[in-house]
Amino acid sequence: MTGWTPSQTVGPFFRIGFAWMDTERIGDARTANGRISIRGRLLDGAGEGIGDGMLEVWQADPRGHYADGSAPGFGRIPTAEDGSFAFTTFMPGRVPGPERTLQAPHLLVSVFARGMLKRAATRMYFPGATALDEDPILALVEPQRRATLVAKAAGPQAFEWNVVLQGAAETVFFDL
């Protein structure tokens, strides 16, 4: 047949195109105290790791302010062949929410992977924060699915959080 265009997919090319932007450490000397580590895996619906993916993280500084040229809070973290990722950062502060509420400390995460034409946007919250019950965005998520957005404690100042792109354990993603 003529006139057909072969289908194309995005990637895998993150290691090639974005390697110079990769970071395993978010923040700088101003956020050296109180470092936390986060590790996890980017998984498909069958529980298989997705290599050559990327997480893009935005977060508020400890005072609850987003980057304004003076506050660090951005990083791009690649996944390894088995879908694993790891990075260090600092605990973000609470940021304003709708109707004069405060959101619980969280990371804003965009997920990029082969076959995805658009990024998938999600959040990672920290376990045990009393502010989780008060977070107006988390309250929009069905109670039985909220756990997909909350990391698990993995030691002192260490957290584990997996991102599942589809299936029964799919991470909650937000429309942009």
Protein backbone atom coordinates (compact mmCIF):
# COMPACT_ATOMS: atom_id res chain seq x y z
CA MET A 1 0.00 0.00 0.00
CA THR A 2 1.15 3.48 -0.68
CA GLY A 3 0.48 6.54 1.39
CA TRP A 4 1.05 4.80 4.72
CA THR A 5 3.46 6.29 7.19
CA PRO A 6 5.21 3.82 9.49
CA SER A 7 4.26 4.20 13.12
CA GLN A 8 6.86 5.79 15.29
CA THR A 9 7.41 5.80 18.99
CA VAL A 10 9.25 8.07 21.37
CA GLY A 11 12.68 6.84 22.41
CA PRO A 12 14.49 5.09 23.67
CA PHE A 13 16.92 7.97 23.55
CA PHE A 14 16.99 9.61 26.98
CA ARG A 15 20.53 8.49 27.75
CA ILE A 16 21.74 9.92 24.46
CA GLY A 17 19.84 13.20 24.36
CA PHE A 18 19.55 14.16 28.01
CA ALA A 19 22.63 12.67 29.68
CA TRP A 20 24.15 16.11 30.18
CA MET A 21 21.04 17.13 32.17
CA ASP A 22 20.91 14.07 34.44
CA THR A 23 21.33 14.54 38.14
CA GLU A 24 21.34 12.25 41.10
CA ARG A 25 21.48 15.17 43.52
CA ILE A 26 18.82 17.87 43.66
CA GLY A 27 19.78 21.05 45.49
CA ASP A 28 23.05 22.70 46.31
CA ALA A 29 25.09 23.85 49.31
CA ARG A 30 22.09 25.76 50.67
CA THR A 31 20.22 22.46 51.03
CA ALA A 32 23.17 20.30 52.14
CA ASN A 33 21.74 19.74 55.61
CA GLY A 34 18.79 17.41 55.89
CA ARG A 35 19.47 15.41 52.74
CA ILE A 36 17.10 12.55 51.97
CA SER A 37 17.47 9.71 49.50
CA ILE A 38 14.79 8.29 47.26
CA ARG A 39 15.00 5.10 45.26
CA GLY A 40 12.52 3.06 43.30
CA ARG A 41 11.67 1.56 39.96
CA LEU A 42 9.71 2.61 36.89
CA LEU A 43 7.52 -0.39 36.05
CA ASP A 44 5.17 -1.46 33.28
CA GLY A 45 1.83 -3.17 33.88
CA ALA A 46 3.48 -6.61 34.11
CA GLY A 47 5.86 -5.42 36.82
CA GLU A 48 8.86 -5.32 34.48
CA GLY A 49 11.35 -2.48 34.82
CA ILE A 50 11.44 0.18 32.12
CA GLY A 51 14.99 1.08 31.18
CA ASP A 52 15.82 4.32 29.43
CA GLY A 53 13.02 6.20 31.16
CA MET A 54 13.34 9.48 32.96
CA LEU A 55 11.76 11.17 35.96
CA GLU A 56 11.68 14.94 36.01
CA VAL A 57 11.28 16.28 39.55
CA TRP A 58 10.16 19.73 40.66
CA GLN A 59 9.86 20.55 44.32
CA ALA A 60 9.53 23.43 46.73
CA ASP A 61 12.43 24.43 48.94
CA PRO A 62 12.23 23.75 52.71
CA ARG A 63 10.35 27.06 53.19
CA GLY A 64 7.64 26.03 50.72
CA HIS A 65 8.78 28.17 47.78
CA TYR A 66 9.27 26.95 44.23
CA ALA A 67 12.38 27.79 42.24
CA ASP A 68 12.56 31.51 41.64
CA GLY A 69 16.15 31.69 40.51
CA SER A 70 17.43 31.44 44.07
CA ALA A 71 15.79 28.25 45.35
CA PRO A 72 17.02 24.91 43.99
CA GLY A 73 14.42 22.23 43.35
CA PHE A 74 14.68 20.60 39.93
CA GLY A 75 16.28 17.43 38.64
CA ARG A 76 16.15 14.84 35.87
CA ILE A 77 16.79 11.29 36.95
CA PRO A 78 17.31 8.50 34.39
CA THR A 79 16.27 4.90 34.94
CA ALA A 80 18.74 2.03 34.66
CA GLU A 81 18.16 -0.99 32.42
CA ASP A 82 16.09 -2.66 35.19
CA GLY A 83 13.96 0.47 35.62
CA SER A 84 15.62 1.47 38.88
CA PHE A 85 16.33 5.08 39.82
CA ALA A 86 17.92 6.80 42.79
CA PHE A 87 18.55 10.39 43.81
CA THR A 88 19.11 12.59 46.82
CA THR A 89 17.27 15.78 47.59
CA PHE A 90 15.98 17.73 50.57
CA MET A 91 12.63 17.64 52.32
CA PRO A 92 10.31 20.17 50.64
CA GLY A 93 8.15 22.51 52.66
CA ARG A 94 4.39 22.83 52.48
CA VAL A 95 3.09 24.98 49.63
CA PRO A 96 -0.17 26.89 49.31
CA GLY A 97 -3.13 25.01 47.90
CA PRO A 98 -6.59 26.05 46.74
CA GLU A 99 -8.76 28.17 49.01
CA ARG A 100 -5.95 29.12 51.40
CA THR A 101 -5.10 25.53 52.32
CA LEU A 102 -1.61 24.05 52.63
CA GLN A 103 -0.47 21.03 50.68
CA ALA A 104 1.55 18.27 52.32
CA PRO A 105 5.26 18.12 51.42
CA HIS A 106 5.57 16.44 48.03
CA LEU A 107 7.55 16.16 44.82
CA LEU A 108 5.99 16.94 41.44
CA VAL A 109 7.08 14.18 39.07
CA SER A 110 6.81 13.91 35.29
CA VAL A 111 7.48 10.49 33.81
CA PHE A 112 8.93 10.00 30.33
CA ALA A 113 9.46 6.58 28.73
CA ARG A 114 9.59 4.85 25.38
CA GLY A 115 6.24 4.64 23.67
CA MET A 116 4.80 7.61 25.54
CA LEU A 117 3.91 10.57 23.37
CA LYS A 118 3.14 12.79 26.36
CA ARG A 119 4.59 12.89 29.85
CA ALA A 120 2.64 11.38 32.73
CA ALA A 121 2.32 13.74 35.71
CA THR A 122 2.13 12.49 39.28
CA ARG A 123 3.23 13.34 42.81
CA MET A 124 5.24 11.66 45.51
CA TYR A 125 4.23 12.35 49.10
CA PHE A 126 6.16 11.43 52.22
CA PRO A 127 4.84 8.84 54.70
CA GLY A 128 3.76 9.72 58.19
CA ALA A 129 3.21 13.40 57.49
CA THR A 130 0.17 14.54 59.46
CA ALA A 131 -0.38 16.99 56.63
CA LEU A 132 -1.40 14.11 54.33
CA ASP A 133 -4.89 14.20 55.81
CA GLU A 134 -5.12 17.93 55.10
CA ASP A 135 -3.75 17.93 51.54
CA PRO A 136 -6.47 19.23 49.17
CA ILE A 137 -4.99 17.54 46.08
CA LEU A 138 -4.52 14.15 47.73
CA ALA A 139 -8.14 14.41 48.93
CA LEU A 140 -9.24 14.37 45.27
CA VAL A 141 -7.83 10.84 44.87
CA GLU A 142 -9.94 7.81 45.75
CA PRO A 143 -8.86 6.63 49.24
CA GLN A 144 -7.89 3.13 48.04
CA ARG A 145 -5.52 4.61 45.40
CA ARG A 146 -3.75 7.22 47.55
CA ALA A 147 -1.08 4.75 48.62
CA THR A 148 0.34 4.81 45.07
CA LEU A 149 1.38 8.42 45.73
CA VAL A 150 2.94 7.92 49.16
CA ALA A 151 6.53 6.66 49.44
CA LYS A 152 7.52 4.04 51.99
CA ALA A 153 10.15 4.66 54.66
CA ALA A 154 13.32 2.73 53.80
CA GLY A 155 15.56 3.82 56.68
CA PRO A 156 16.60 7.06 58.31
CA GLN A 157 16.07 9.85 55.77
CA ALA A 158 15.49 7.25 53.04
CA PHE A 159 12.37 6.51 51.02
CA GLU A 160 11.26 4.02 48.39
CA TRP A 161 8.64 4.76 45.74
CA ASN A 162 7.79 2.84 42.57
CA VAL A 163 6.01 4.31 39.57
CA VAL A 164 3.71 1.82 37.82
CA LEU A 165 2.50 2.97 34.40
CA GLN A 166 -0.54 0.70 34.05
CA GLY A 167 -2.40 -2.24 35.54
CA ALA A 168 -3.97 -2.98 38.92
CA ALA A 169 -1.23 -1.20 40.90
CA GLU A 170 -1.04 1.79 38.52
CA THR A 171 0.25 4.99 40.07
CA VAL A 172 -2.26 7.82 40.10
CA PHE A 173 -1.55 10.28 37.28
CA PHE A 174 -3.03 13.75 36.96
CA ASP A 175 -4.43 15.42 33.85
CA LEU A 176 -2.54 18.52 32.86
